[in-house]
Amino acid sequence: MSEIFIPLGAFAMIVAIVYLNIRKKERLALLQFNKDASVFGQRSCINPSLKYGLLLMFLGAGLLVANFLSHQGYMDEEPAYFSLLSLASGIALLLYYFLERRARSPKPGPEDHNL
């Protein structure tokens, strides 16, 4: 089992070095053209705990349904768990996407109403 960790670690190290080198060059190019590098510090999530809460809640529901389906004999155990965990995590992330998009959309104010 340990014979796989050495090549995997070497590959991860090479990917990390290349990624960090590219990131450094991007930031230096921004500074060279007098641009602000604060763009890299912005988070795309409005509330990351909402995203992870939805994901874990839907994963738990997927496990519960997969367990029920496999013990009742409707599906085999392996496809039930794999498919329902994938489906539940996809639904949770889509729900979070729509919630975030609705929160970022401009809300009409009282001056926008034409009476």
Protein backbone atom coordinates (compact mmCIF):
# COMPACT_ATOMS: atom_id res chain seq x y z
CA MET A 1 0.00 0.00 0.00
CA SER A 2 2.82 2.42 0.78
CA GLU A 3 4.29 2.03 -2.71
CA ILE A 4 1.52 4.27 -4.09
CA PHE A 5 2.11 7.14 -1.66
CA ILE A 6 5.61 8.02 -2.94
CA PRO A 7 4.61 8.66 -6.58
CA LEU A 8 1.39 10.32 -5.41
CA GLY A 9 3.34 12.63 -3.09
CA ALA A 10 5.86 13.46 -5.81
CA PHE A 11 3.07 14.30 -8.25
CA ALA A 12 1.30 16.48 -5.67
CA MET A 13 4.56 18.30 -4.94
CA ILE A 14 5.15 19.03 -8.64
CA VAL A 15 1.58 20.32 -9.07
CA ALA A 16 1.93 22.56 -6.01
CA ILE A 17 5.23 24.02 -7.20
CA VAL A 18 3.87 24.77 -10.67
CA TYR A 19 0.66 26.28 -9.23
CA LEU A 20 2.51 28.51 -6.78
CA ASN A 21 4.94 29.65 -9.49
CA ILE A 22 2.09 30.61 -11.84
CA ARG A 23 0.27 32.39 -9.00
CA LYS A 24 3.40 34.36 -8.14
CA LYS A 25 3.85 35.44 -11.78
CA GLU A 26 0.21 36.59 -11.98
CA ARG A 27 0.53 38.70 -8.85
CA LEU A 28 3.82 40.22 -10.00
CA ALA A 29 2.27 41.09 -13.37
CA LEU A 30 -0.62 42.82 -11.61
CA LEU A 31 1.76 44.85 -9.48
CA GLN A 32 3.86 45.72 -12.52
CA PHE A 33 0.85 47.33 -14.22
CA ASN A 34 -0.21 49.14 -11.01
CA LYS A 35 -3.26 46.98 -10.48
CA ASP A 36 -4.58 45.99 -7.09
CA ALA A 37 -4.01 42.36 -6.09
CA SER A 38 -6.98 42.39 -3.72
CA VAL A 39 -8.97 40.58 -6.44
CA PHE A 40 -7.35 37.36 -5.30
CA GLY A 41 -8.56 37.81 -1.74
CA GLN A 42 -12.25 38.10 -2.60
CA ARG A 43 -14.45 35.19 -1.67
CA SER A 44 -17.15 34.12 -4.05
CA CYS A 45 -19.33 32.74 -1.27
CA ILE A 46 -21.82 34.92 0.54
CA ASN A 47 -22.03 32.50 3.44
CA PRO A 48 -19.71 29.49 3.21
CA SER A 49 -21.26 27.84 6.27
CA LEU A 50 -24.59 27.76 4.40
CA LYS A 51 -22.92 25.93 1.50
CA TYR A 52 -21.28 23.33 3.70
CA GLY A 53 -24.39 22.95 5.85
CA LEU A 54 -26.56 22.29 2.80
CA LEU A 55 -23.99 19.89 1.40
CA LEU A 56 -23.70 17.87 4.61
CA MET A 57 -27.45 17.86 5.18
CA PHE A 58 -28.14 16.55 1.67
CA LEU A 59 -25.32 14.00 1.94
CA GLY A 60 -26.87 12.69 5.16
CA ALA A 61 -30.28 12.45 3.49
CA GLY A 62 -28.68 10.67 0.52
CA LEU A 63 -27.03 8.15 2.83
CA LEU A 64 -30.30 7.56 4.64
CA VAL A 65 -32.23 6.96 1.42
CA ALA A 66 -29.45 4.77 -0.02
CA ASN A 67 -29.40 2.68 3.14
CA PHE A 68 -33.18 2.25 2.96
CA LEU A 69 -33.12 1.30 -0.73
CA SER A 70 -30.30 -1.19 -0.32
CA HIS A 71 -31.83 -2.92 2.72
CA GLN A 72 -35.29 -3.13 1.12
CA GLY A 73 -33.79 -4.80 -1.94
CA TYR A 74 -34.71 -2.10 -4.45
CA MET A 75 -31.07 -1.44 -5.40
CA ASP A 76 -27.70 -3.05 -4.84
CA GLU A 77 -25.65 -1.47 -2.08
CA GLU A 78 -22.78 0.00 -4.10
CA PRO A 79 -24.80 1.72 -6.85
CA ALA A 80 -27.33 3.01 -4.31
CA TYR A 81 -24.72 4.73 -2.17
CA PHE A 82 -22.68 6.11 -5.06
CA SER A 83 -25.59 7.43 -7.08
CA LEU A 84 -27.53 8.93 -4.20
CA LEU A 85 -24.48 10.63 -2.68
CA SER A 86 -23.62 12.14 -6.06
CA LEU A 87 -27.22 13.19 -6.66
CA ALA A 88 -27.66 14.68 -3.20
CA SER A 89 -24.40 16.66 -3.32
CA GLY A 90 -25.28 17.99 -6.78
CA ILE A 91 -28.72 19.09 -5.63
CA ALA A 92 -27.25 20.80 -2.57
CA LEU A 93 -24.68 22.74 -4.59
CA LEU A 94 -27.29 23.76 -7.17
CA LEU A 95 -29.59 24.97 -4.39
CA TYR A 96 -26.74 27.00 -2.91
CA TYR A 97 -25.96 28.47 -6.34
CA PHE A 98 -29.54 29.66 -6.78
CA LEU A 99 -29.67 31.05 -3.23
CA GLU A 100 -26.40 32.93 -3.77
CA ARG A 101 -27.55 34.27 -7.13
CA ARG A 102 -30.79 35.53 -5.60
CA ALA A 103 -28.91 37.19 -2.75
CA ARG A 104 -26.54 38.97 -5.17
CA SER A 105 -29.26 40.24 -7.50
CA PRO A 106 -30.18 43.90 -7.03
CA LYS A 107 -33.37 44.36 -5.09
CA PRO A 108 -35.85 46.95 -6.41
CA GLY A 109 -36.20 49.92 -4.15
CA PRO A 110 -39.21 52.18 -3.64
CA GLU A 111 -37.86 54.63 -6.25
CA ASP A 112 -37.99 51.92 -8.91
CA HIS A 113 -41.80 51.73 -8.82
CA ASN A 114 -43.60 53.91 -11.30
CA LEU A 115 -47.07 54.81 -10.07
